[in-house]
Protein backbone atom coordinates (compact mmCIF):
# COMPACT_ATOMS: atom_id res chain seq x y z
CA LEU A 1 -0.21 0.39 0.24
CA VAL A 2 2.33 2.00 0.99
CA GLY A 3 5.63 1.32 -1.84
CA GLY A 4 3.68 0.15 -4.54
CA VAL A 5 3.13 -3.31 -6.36
CA PRO A 6 6.11 -4.81 -8.33
CA VAL A 7 5.21 -5.60 -11.56
CA LEU A 8 6.80 -7.08 -15.32
CA TYR A 9 5.87 -5.74 -17.64
CA GLN A 10 6.59 -5.86 -21.98
CA LYS A 11 9.02 -2.19 -23.61
CA ASP A 12 9.93 -3.19 -27.27
CA GLY A 13 11.03 -6.82 -27.10
CA GLU A 14 11.63 -6.21 -23.44
CA THR A 15 10.72 -7.23 -19.40
CA VAL A 16 10.45 -4.26 -17.89
CA GLY A 17 10.02 -3.56 -13.63
CA ASP A 18 8.39 -1.45 -12.18
CA PHE A 19 6.05 -0.19 -9.42
CA VAL A 20 2.55 0.54 -9.48
CA ARG A 21 1.08 2.97 -7.43
CA LEU A 22 -1.99 2.61 -5.25
CA VAL A 23 -2.21 5.40 -3.29
CA ASP A 24 -0.84 9.20 -4.40
CA TRP A 25 -0.09 10.43 -1.29
CA ALA A 26 1.03 13.83 -1.80
CA GLU A 27 -1.83 14.76 -3.52
CA PRO A 28 -5.04 13.62 -2.01
CA SER A 29 -6.92 14.70 -4.59
CA ARG A 30 -5.44 12.83 -6.81
CA ASN A 31 -7.11 9.68 -4.92
CA GLU A 32 -10.88 8.20 -4.96
CA PHE A 33 -13.00 8.00 -1.56
CA TRP A 34 -15.86 6.36 -1.79
CA ALA A 35 -17.70 6.43 1.96
CA VAL A 36 -20.43 2.84 0.99
CA ASN A 37 -23.08 2.75 3.49
CA GLN A 38 -24.68 -1.61 3.81
CA PHE A 39 -21.90 -3.06 1.00
CA THR A 40 -22.96 -7.16 0.28
CA ILE A 41 -19.95 -8.78 0.69
CA LYS A 42 -20.45 -12.86 0.55
CA GLY A 43 -18.44 -15.06 2.16
CA PRO A 44 -18.40 -19.54 1.85
CA HIS A 45 -21.01 -19.45 4.09
CA HIS A 46 -22.51 -16.20 5.07
CA THR A 47 -23.89 -12.74 3.19
CA ARG A 48 -22.72 -9.84 5.53
CA ARG A 49 -23.03 -6.19 4.83
CA PRO A 50 -21.29 -4.28 7.06
CA ASP A 51 -23.05 -0.50 7.79
CA ILE A 52 -19.65 1.77 6.03
CA ILE A 53 -17.28 0.67 4.22
CA LEU A 54 -14.20 3.44 3.34
CA PHE A 55 -12.79 2.58 0.49
CA LEU A 56 -9.39 4.80 -0.79
CA ASN A 57 -9.36 3.50 -5.18
CA GLY A 58 -11.44 0.31 -4.88
CA LEU A 59 -9.52 -0.69 -1.23
CA PRO A 60 -12.02 -1.18 1.66
CA LEU A 61 -8.97 -0.30 4.17
CA VAL A 62 -11.45 1.60 7.04
CA LEU A 63 -14.55 -0.28 8.44
CA ILE A 64 -17.22 1.56 10.79
CA GLU A 65 -19.61 -0.60 12.43
CA LEU A 66 -22.07 1.22 14.00
CA LYS A 67 -25.38 0.07 16.56
CA ASN A 68 -28.64 1.93 17.73
CA PRO A 69 -28.27 4.47 20.47
CA ALA A 70 -31.68 4.01 20.86
CA ASP A 71 -31.23 0.42 21.44
CA GLU A 72 -29.72 0.03 25.28
CA ASN A 73 -28.82 -3.14 25.08
CA ALA A 74 -26.80 -1.76 21.35
CA ASP A 75 -23.93 -0.61 22.66
CA ILE A 76 -20.64 0.06 21.27
CA TRP A 77 -19.82 -2.95 22.16
CA ARG A 78 -21.68 -4.86 20.25
CA ALA A 79 -20.18 -3.35 17.02
CA TYR A 80 -17.14 -4.24 18.35
CA ASP A 81 -18.41 -8.26 18.62
CA GLN A 82 -20.05 -8.07 15.23
CA ILE A 83 -16.79 -7.04 13.98
CA GLN A 84 -14.95 -10.44 15.31
CA THR A 85 -18.20 -12.06 13.37
CA TYR A 86 -17.27 -10.49 10.12
CA LYS A 87 -13.67 -11.46 10.76
CA GLU A 88 -15.10 -15.27 10.72
CA GLN A 89 -17.17 -14.85 7.94
CA ILE A 90 -16.43 -12.44 5.52
CA PRO A 91 -12.93 -12.69 5.69
CA ASP A 92 -12.07 -11.13 1.96
CA VAL A 93 -13.10 -7.69 3.65
CA PHE A 94 -9.69 -7.25 6.08
CA GLN A 95 -6.62 -7.84 4.01
CA THR A 96 -6.69 -4.89 2.92
CA ASN A 97 -8.10 -3.29 6.19
CA GLU A 98 -6.12 -0.43 7.67
CA LEU A 99 -8.48 0.97 10.44
CA LEU A 100 -11.79 0.12 12.05
CA VAL A 101 -14.06 1.92 14.04
CA ILE A 102 -17.41 1.58 16.35
CA SER A 103 -19.66 3.94 17.56
CA ASP A 104 -23.31 3.74 19.37
CA GLY A 105 -24.01 7.21 17.37
CA THR A 106 -22.22 9.27 20.26
CA ASP A 107 -19.42 6.95 21.99
CA ALA A 108 -16.76 6.07 19.58
CA ARG A 109 -13.65 4.05 19.13
CA LEU A 110 -10.77 3.20 16.91
CA GLY A 111 -9.17 0.50 16.56
CA SER A 112 -6.82 -1.56 14.35
CA LEU A 113 -7.79 -5.27 12.86
CA SER A 114 -5.82 -7.57 15.69
CA ALA A 115 -6.54 -5.25 18.54
CA ASN A 116 -8.97 -6.32 21.58
CA ALA A 117 -11.70 -4.01 23.09
CA GLU A 118 -9.32 -2.61 25.26
CA ARG A 119 -7.22 -1.10 22.27
CA PHE A 120 -9.55 0.58 20.86
CA LEU A 121 -9.77 4.19 21.80
CA GLN A 122 -11.55 7.16 21.93
CA TRP A 123 -10.40 9.98 18.55
CA ARG A 124 -10.66 12.90 21.14
CA THR A 125 -9.03 16.07 19.40
CA ILE A 126 -9.33 17.58 15.32
CA ASP A 127 -7.04 20.32 15.26
CA GLY A 128 -4.11 18.33 18.17
CA VAL A 129 -4.66 21.08 20.59
CA ASN A 130 -8.38 21.28 21.51
CA LEU A 131 -9.97 18.17 23.47
CA ASP A 132 -13.67 16.97 23.07
CA PRO A 133 -13.87 20.34 20.76
CA LEU A 134 -17.59 19.06 19.76
CA GLY A 135 -18.34 17.77 23.75
CA GLU A 136 -18.38 14.24 25.34
CA PHE A 137 -21.25 13.28 23.30
CA ASN A 138 -19.86 13.57 19.60
CA GLU A 139 -17.37 11.32 20.03
CA LEU A 140 -18.02 10.31 16.84
CA GLN A 141 -17.78 13.06 14.38
CA THR A 142 -15.08 14.43 16.77
CA LEU A 143 -13.38 11.03 15.32
CA VAL A 144 -14.49 11.98 11.53
CA ARG A 145 -13.18 14.83 11.57
CA GLY A 146 -10.29 14.30 13.36
CA VAL A 147 -9.06 11.04 11.41
CA LEU A 148 -11.57 10.12 8.61
CA VAL A 149 -11.09 13.62 6.40
CA PRO A 150 -8.96 12.46 3.58
CA ALA A 151 -5.38 14.75 4.03
CA THR A 152 -5.39 13.26 7.66
CA LEU A 153 -6.24 9.85 6.73
CA LEU A 154 -3.99 9.39 4.48
CA ASP A 155 -0.92 10.77 6.51
CA TYR A 156 -1.94 8.39 9.24
CA LEU A 157 -2.12 5.56 6.61
CA ARG A 158 1.51 6.55 5.66
CA TYR A 159 3.48 7.24 9.18
CA PHE A 160 0.90 5.45 11.90
CA VAL A 161 0.17 2.20 11.26
CA LEU A 162 3.32 -0.70 12.33
CA PHE A 163 3.32 -4.12 13.60
CA GLU A 164 5.23 -5.55 17.00
CA ASP A 165 5.22 -8.74 18.00
CA ASP A 166 3.65 -9.70 21.34
CA GLY A 167 3.90 -12.70 21.32
CA ARG A 168 2.18 -13.04 17.99
CA LEU A 169 2.21 -10.54 15.33
CA VAL A 170 0.03 -7.78 15.91
CA LYS A 171 -0.75 -4.79 13.96
CA LYS A 172 -0.77 -0.98 15.63
CA VAL A 173 -1.87 1.67 14.94
CA ALA A 174 -0.94 5.19 16.64
CA GLY A 175 -3.73 6.85 19.55
CA TYR A 176 -5.02 10.95 18.95
CA HIS A 177 -1.98 12.22 20.91
CA GLN A 178 0.94 9.65 19.56
CA TYR A 179 -0.15 11.37 15.96
CA HIS A 180 -0.62 14.72 16.81
CA ALA A 181 3.04 14.41 19.19
CA VAL A 182 4.82 13.41 16.07
CA ARG A 183 2.98 16.26 13.88
CA ALA A 184 3.96 19.18 16.22
CA ALA A 185 7.81 17.42 17.02
CA ILE A 186 8.29 17.35 13.24
CA GLY A 187 7.85 20.48 13.01
CA HIS A 188 10.35 21.52 15.72
CA VAL A 189 13.17 19.07 15.14
CA VAL A 190 13.34 20.17 11.39
CA ALA A 191 13.59 24.05 12.33
CA ALA A 192 16.08 22.84 14.94
CA SER A 193 18.20 21.30 12.05
CA ARG A 194 18.57 24.56 9.94
CA PRO A 195 21.75 25.99 10.53
CA ASP A 196 20.17 28.99 11.81
CA GLY A 197 17.93 26.92 13.88
CA ALA A 198 20.59 25.05 15.71
CA ALA A 199 21.78 28.83 16.87
CA ASN A 200 18.74 29.45 17.89
CA GLN A 201 17.55 26.44 19.45
CA ARG A 202 21.22 24.79 19.80
CA GLY A 203 19.79 22.52 18.12
CA LYS A 204 16.84 20.86 19.97
CA GLY A 205 13.85 19.63 18.99
CA GLY A 206 11.90 19.64 22.16
CA VAL A 207 10.91 17.10 24.72
CA VAL A 208 7.39 14.91 24.42
CA TRP A 209 6.23 13.96 27.65
CA HIS A 210 4.34 10.24 27.74
CA THR A 211 2.44 8.61 31.45
CA GLN A 212 3.25 5.00 31.76
CA GLY A 213 1.50 2.51 29.27
CA SER A 214 1.05 5.55 26.71
CA GLY A 215 2.79 3.83 23.67
CA LYS A 216 6.48 5.67 24.30
CA SER A 217 7.44 2.91 21.63
CA ILE A 218 5.27 3.83 19.08
CA THR A 219 5.33 7.40 18.81
CA MET A 220 9.22 6.96 18.66
CA THR A 221 8.53 4.80 15.58
CA CYS A 222 6.11 6.75 13.65
CA PHE A 223 8.75 9.79 14.16
CA ALA A 224 11.10 7.88 13.23
CA ALA A 225 9.32 7.02 9.78
CA ARG A 226 7.60 10.37 9.75
CA VAL A 227 11.32 12.54 10.30
CA MET A 228 13.43 10.31 7.85
CA GLN A 229 10.34 10.94 4.85
CA GLU A 230 10.05 14.61 5.77
CA PRO A 231 11.97 16.54 2.52
CA ALA A 232 13.34 19.10 4.68
CA MET A 233 15.86 16.78 6.28
CA ALA A 234 17.53 15.60 3.34
CA ASN A 235 17.49 12.27 4.59
CA PRO A 236 18.64 12.48 7.84
CA THR A 237 20.71 9.83 9.92
CA ILE A 238 18.18 8.94 13.53
CA VAL A 239 20.08 8.01 16.65
CA VAL A 240 18.06 5.85 19.09
CA ILE A 241 20.01 6.41 22.71
CA THR A 242 18.92 4.90 25.76
CA ASP A 243 20.62 4.48 29.31
CA ARG A 244 19.41 1.20 29.94
CA ASN A 245 20.75 -2.55 27.55
CA ASP A 246 17.29 -4.12 28.11
CA LEU A 247 15.76 -0.63 27.33
CA ASP A 248 18.04 -1.24 23.65
CA GLY A 249 17.41 -4.24 22.96
CA GLN A 250 13.42 -3.60 23.15
CA LEU A 251 13.10 -0.86 22.01
CA PHE A 252 15.42 -2.20 18.79
CA GLY A 253 13.20 -4.83 18.64
CA VAL A 254 10.31 -2.69 18.13
CA PHE A 255 11.96 -0.53 15.89
CA SER A 256 13.20 -3.83 13.63
CA LEU A 257 10.25 -4.56 13.29
CA ALA A 258 8.85 -1.75 11.73
CA GLN A 259 11.00 -1.77 8.46
CA ASP A 260 8.70 -1.70 6.05
CA LEU A 261 7.16 1.58 7.98
CA LEU A 262 10.92 2.53 8.29
CA ARG A 263 12.19 2.01 5.04
CA GLU A 264 15.16 0.64 6.84
CA GLN A 265 16.87 -1.98 8.64
CA PRO A 266 17.81 -0.13 12.41
CA VAL A 267 21.82 -1.41 13.22
CA GLN A 268 22.44 -1.68 17.18
CA ALA A 269 26.18 -0.87 18.15
CA THR A 270 27.27 -3.11 21.16
CA THR A 271 30.74 -0.81 21.59
CA ARG A 272 31.71 2.27 22.23
CA GLN A 273 34.08 2.06 18.58
CA GLU A 274 31.53 0.42 16.42
CA LEU A 275 28.93 3.42 17.55
CA ARG A 276 32.30 5.83 16.59
CA GLN A 277 32.10 3.70 12.68
CA LEU A 278 28.78 3.61 12.47
CA LEU A 279 28.39 7.53 12.64
CA SER A 280 31.83 9.30 11.45
CA ASN A 281 31.34 11.04 8.18
CA ARG A 282 27.90 8.70 7.47
CA PRO A 283 26.69 10.56 4.40
CA SER A 284 23.35 10.20 5.20
CA GLY A 285 20.39 7.47 5.99
CA GLY A 286 20.67 4.86 8.82
CA ILE A 287 19.14 4.52 12.29
CA VAL A 288 22.10 3.57 14.90
CA PHE A 289 20.74 2.03 18.45
CA ALA A 290 23.38 2.67 21.29
CA THR A 291 22.96 3.25 25.11
CA ILE A 292 24.29 6.99 26.35
CA GLN A 293 27.49 5.26 27.72
CA LYS A 294 28.55 4.51 24.50
CA PHE A 295 29.31 8.52 23.99
CA MET A 296 31.16 8.31 27.38
CA PRO A 297 35.25 8.94 26.74
CA GLY A 298 37.43 6.06 26.16
CA GLU A 299 40.06 5.37 29.20
CA ASP A 300 43.09 7.14 27.68
CA GLU A 301 40.74 10.19 25.89
CA ASP A 302 39.53 13.35 27.98
CA MET A 303 36.93 13.67 25.05
CA PHE A 304 34.44 12.00 22.94
CA PRO A 305 35.76 13.25 19.10
CA VAL A 306 33.26 15.30 16.80
CA LEU A 307 31.89 12.01 14.58
CA SER A 308 30.11 14.54 12.20
CA ASP A 309 28.88 17.81 11.88
CA ARG A 310 25.70 17.37 9.48
CA HIS A 311 23.03 19.30 10.47
CA ASN A 312 20.37 16.40 9.76
CA ILE A 313 21.34 13.62 12.36
CA VAL A 314 18.51 13.08 14.45
CA VAL A 315 19.21 11.95 18.37
CA VAL A 316 15.94 10.65 19.61
CA ALA A 317 16.56 9.39 23.50
CA ASP A 318 14.74 7.58 25.37
CA GLU A 319 13.69 7.78 29.30
CA ALA A 320 15.23 11.40 28.71
CA HIS A 321 14.00 12.17 32.60
CA ARG A 322 17.39 9.17 34.50
CA THR A 323 20.48 9.94 33.19
CA GLN A 324 20.27 12.89 30.53
CA TYR A 325 19.35 16.53 32.26
CA GLY A 326 23.49 16.89 32.54
CA PHE A 327 24.98 17.55 36.00
CA GLU A 328 23.07 21.37 36.43
CA ALA A 329 19.72 20.20 36.76
CA LYS A 330 18.36 21.53 39.24
CA LEU A 331 14.33 21.05 40.38
CA LYS A 332 13.26 24.56 40.93
CA THR A 333 10.50 25.83 43.03
CA ARG A 334 8.21 28.74 43.61
CA LYS A 335 5.46 29.71 46.45
CA VAL A 336 2.02 29.75 44.93
CA ALA A 337 0.22 32.96 46.62
């Protein structure tokens, strides 16, 4: 869907290879969007009609199941159960599925094909700033306007769908907080990477705070995928820093499973010397993982050498609040009258 489909065809008596692009990601208006009500699908033993299917260039990418808000026994979780039935009875409609939406007209949740009920989440913003702008009884309208409008949907499908292995391979999609955090971070990082921006901001893009269990790994992976495709960054190198070996391995595993999204195989620096080799004079591109200890000088050195003077090396620090504030960090308090 993202990279295109490889094809072979004959030209001037020769077999030529190329890619057929299924989606024009840059120009939403060049794509065909259809929202079809009660689309009939015949399975091996059953015929079903999902409430709404969103088609992008003929591909059924989003399925929306609705329940009657007037029926006390038909809440959004009945809609979730209905989708599980569809998976068994009309599996063909899910071969290209990217998003599932369940709603009773007021409450609404968004999830992936492999998400359990717990992973179907609200989409609480339209502009990324104001929460629940249409009120708590208009979750469906907020979700539709916040993520399903063509330009936003294309951006979301391209950069915010990935796979992870939690004992089994699962498809994961970003929540509203992850989506808008990445979009905001991209703007700051692009500005900080410019020669004048680096001087004004000392090259700092900013900090994204996450509460425990809010999907930090997904945010970091989607950010890396998005910033690597940013034209202004000119094929940047991503350096991911953690403060513990177990975090380094865990996050490296998440990135490794997202190769289709990242278009790059990440590498892990196991020694200080290997880190230097990976970063020194690297012309562009690449994703490098290392623990922060590998940036300390060697036993016979007073300072760590400059590895590159490029402006498009993006450093992403995991758990930055633990060990990476520096020795001069201070906690300041103030009295409130």
